[in-house]
Amino acid sequence: MTTMIRLVPKVFFNTMAEGLDLFVSGLGCKVMYQDGSLAVVEREGVKAYVVESPEYAAKDRPELAIETSCIEALYQEISSRRPDLLHPNLPRVTQRPWGALEFSLLDKTHVCIVFRQWPKEPPSLSR
């Protein structure tokens, strides 16, 4: 039997500096590997491939979601370090209609990262 461990997204940027600004300076990731057009960044098991490619950056501005068990602490850390990255539509921890607590980041290239903490008990569904 095989086991899947994690999904690792590839995120394209015009320049490597733009990608590292979001993931290293903003999220606090460490660079695990870097060559000319690729960097592998990681923090606490969350990993991404940052790829310098103006062609693909023009085609794809993704929204990524990172689930956490300590959203308040993560919000305090990121918002104190890089308040400029807080998404104008969700700049603070907010309970969403589906029950999760969320806040999000939006960088200058329009990559969006949503941080989400699900409740321990699923919300009751009303019909």
Protein backbone atom coordinates (compact mmCIF):
# COMPACT_ATOMS: atom_id res chain seq x y z
CA MET A 1 0.00 0.00 0.00
CA THR A 2 1.28 3.48 -0.82
CA THR A 3 0.91 6.55 1.35
CA MET A 4 0.66 10.12 0.12
CA ILE A 5 2.53 12.53 2.39
CA ARG A 6 1.84 16.04 1.09
CA LEU A 7 0.85 18.09 -1.92
CA VAL A 8 3.53 20.61 -2.88
CA PRO A 9 2.36 23.48 -5.09
CA LYS A 10 4.50 25.20 -7.68
CA VAL A 11 3.98 28.98 -7.53
CA PHE A 12 5.23 31.12 -10.41
CA PHE A 13 6.62 34.65 -10.04
CA ASN A 14 8.15 37.19 -12.42
CA THR A 15 11.28 37.25 -10.25
CA MET A 16 12.66 34.97 -7.59
CA ALA A 17 12.81 37.96 -5.22
CA GLU A 18 8.99 38.33 -5.37
CA GLY A 19 8.46 34.71 -4.39
CA LEU A 20 11.02 34.74 -1.61
CA ASP A 21 9.53 37.97 -0.26
CA LEU A 22 6.17 36.26 0.24
CA PHE A 23 7.33 32.86 1.46
CA VAL A 24 10.53 33.70 3.38
CA SER A 25 10.01 37.27 4.56
CA GLY A 26 6.23 36.99 4.92
CA LEU A 27 5.56 33.42 6.03
CA GLY A 28 8.90 32.72 7.70
CA CYS A 29 9.78 29.76 5.49
CA LYS A 30 13.35 28.57 5.12
CA VAL A 31 14.97 28.04 1.72
CA MET A 32 15.76 24.32 1.52
CA TYR A 33 17.18 24.45 -2.02
CA GLN A 34 17.73 27.16 -4.61
CA ASP A 35 19.17 27.36 -8.09
CA GLY A 36 18.64 29.92 -10.85
CA SER A 37 14.88 29.66 -11.34
CA LEU A 38 13.70 27.32 -8.55
CA ALA A 39 13.61 27.54 -4.78
CA VAL A 40 12.12 24.97 -2.42
CA VAL A 41 10.78 26.65 0.71
CA GLU A 42 9.51 24.95 3.88
CA ARG A 43 8.16 25.67 7.31
CA GLU A 44 6.75 23.10 9.73
CA GLY A 45 6.03 20.58 6.97
CA VAL A 46 4.38 23.13 4.66
CA LYS A 47 6.38 23.23 1.45
CA ALA A 48 6.22 25.08 -1.89
CA TYR A 49 8.26 25.34 -5.05
CA VAL A 50 8.91 28.98 -5.92
CA VAL A 51 9.57 29.23 -9.65
CA GLU A 52 10.80 32.25 -11.58
CA SER A 53 8.84 32.29 -14.83
CA PRO A 54 7.32 35.53 -16.11
CA GLU A 55 5.37 33.56 -18.73
CA TYR A 56 3.58 31.34 -16.20
CA ALA A 57 3.29 34.07 -13.56
CA ALA A 58 1.19 36.03 -16.06
CA LYS A 59 -1.14 33.03 -16.47
CA ASP A 60 -1.57 31.81 -12.88
CA ARG A 61 -2.08 33.74 -9.62
CA PRO A 62 -3.13 30.99 -7.22
CA GLU A 63 -5.01 30.97 -3.95
CA LEU A 64 -3.38 28.56 -1.52
CA ALA A 65 -4.80 27.40 1.80
CA ILE A 66 -2.73 26.42 4.83
CA GLU A 67 -4.52 24.71 7.69
CA THR A 68 -3.26 25.35 11.21
CA SER A 69 -4.12 24.40 14.77
CA CYS A 70 -3.01 27.77 16.21
CA ILE A 71 -4.39 30.51 13.95
CA GLU A 72 -4.25 33.31 16.55
CA ALA A 73 -0.51 32.80 17.20
CA LEU A 74 0.21 32.57 13.48
CA TYR A 75 -1.81 35.72 12.82
CA GLN A 76 0.09 37.63 15.54
CA GLU A 77 3.44 36.52 14.16
CA ILE A 78 2.76 37.30 10.51
CA SER A 79 0.76 40.51 11.05
CA SER A 80 3.45 41.97 13.31
CA ARG A 81 6.23 41.09 10.85
CA ARG A 82 4.46 41.94 7.56
CA PRO A 83 1.16 43.82 8.02
CA ASP A 84 1.45 44.97 4.39
CA LEU A 85 0.67 41.40 3.28
CA LEU A 86 -2.71 41.17 5.05
CA HIS A 87 -5.47 40.74 2.47
CA PRO A 88 -7.84 43.75 2.47
CA ASN A 89 -10.88 41.42 2.33
CA LEU A 90 -9.82 39.24 5.29
CA PRO A 91 -7.11 41.12 7.26
CA ARG A 92 -7.89 39.61 10.68
CA VAL A 93 -8.96 36.27 12.10
CA THR A 94 -12.64 35.89 11.27
CA GLN A 95 -15.09 33.04 11.72
CA ARG A 96 -16.46 32.14 8.32
CA PRO A 97 -20.00 30.83 7.59
CA TRP A 98 -18.61 27.29 7.16
CA GLY A 99 -17.27 27.35 10.73
CA ALA A 100 -13.56 27.81 10.13
CA LEU A 101 -11.46 30.67 11.52
CA GLU A 102 -9.52 32.36 8.70
CA PHE A 103 -7.28 35.25 7.73
CA SER A 104 -5.45 35.75 4.47
CA LEU A 105 -2.48 37.36 2.79
CA LEU A 106 -2.22 38.93 -0.64
CA ASP A 107 1.16 39.83 -2.09
CA LYS A 108 1.85 42.47 -4.72
CA THR A 109 1.67 39.82 -7.47
CA HIS A 110 -1.82 38.76 -6.29
CA VAL A 111 -0.89 35.38 -4.85
CA CYS A 112 -3.38 34.76 -2.03
CA ILE A 113 -2.71 32.55 1.00
CA VAL A 114 -5.61 31.70 3.28
CA PHE A 115 -4.83 30.43 6.78
CA ARG A 116 -7.59 28.25 8.18
CA GLN A 117 -8.32 26.59 11.50
CA TRP A 118 -11.25 24.20 11.53
CA PRO A 119 -13.29 23.77 14.72
CA LYS A 120 -12.74 20.58 16.72
CA GLU A 121 -16.42 19.75 16.28
CA PRO A 122 -17.97 20.26 12.84
CA PRO A 123 -20.71 22.91 12.79
CA SER A 124 -24.23 21.61 12.78
CA LEU A 125 -25.90 21.77 9.41
CA SER A 126 -29.26 23.47 9.35
CA ARG A 127 -31.69 22.75 6.53
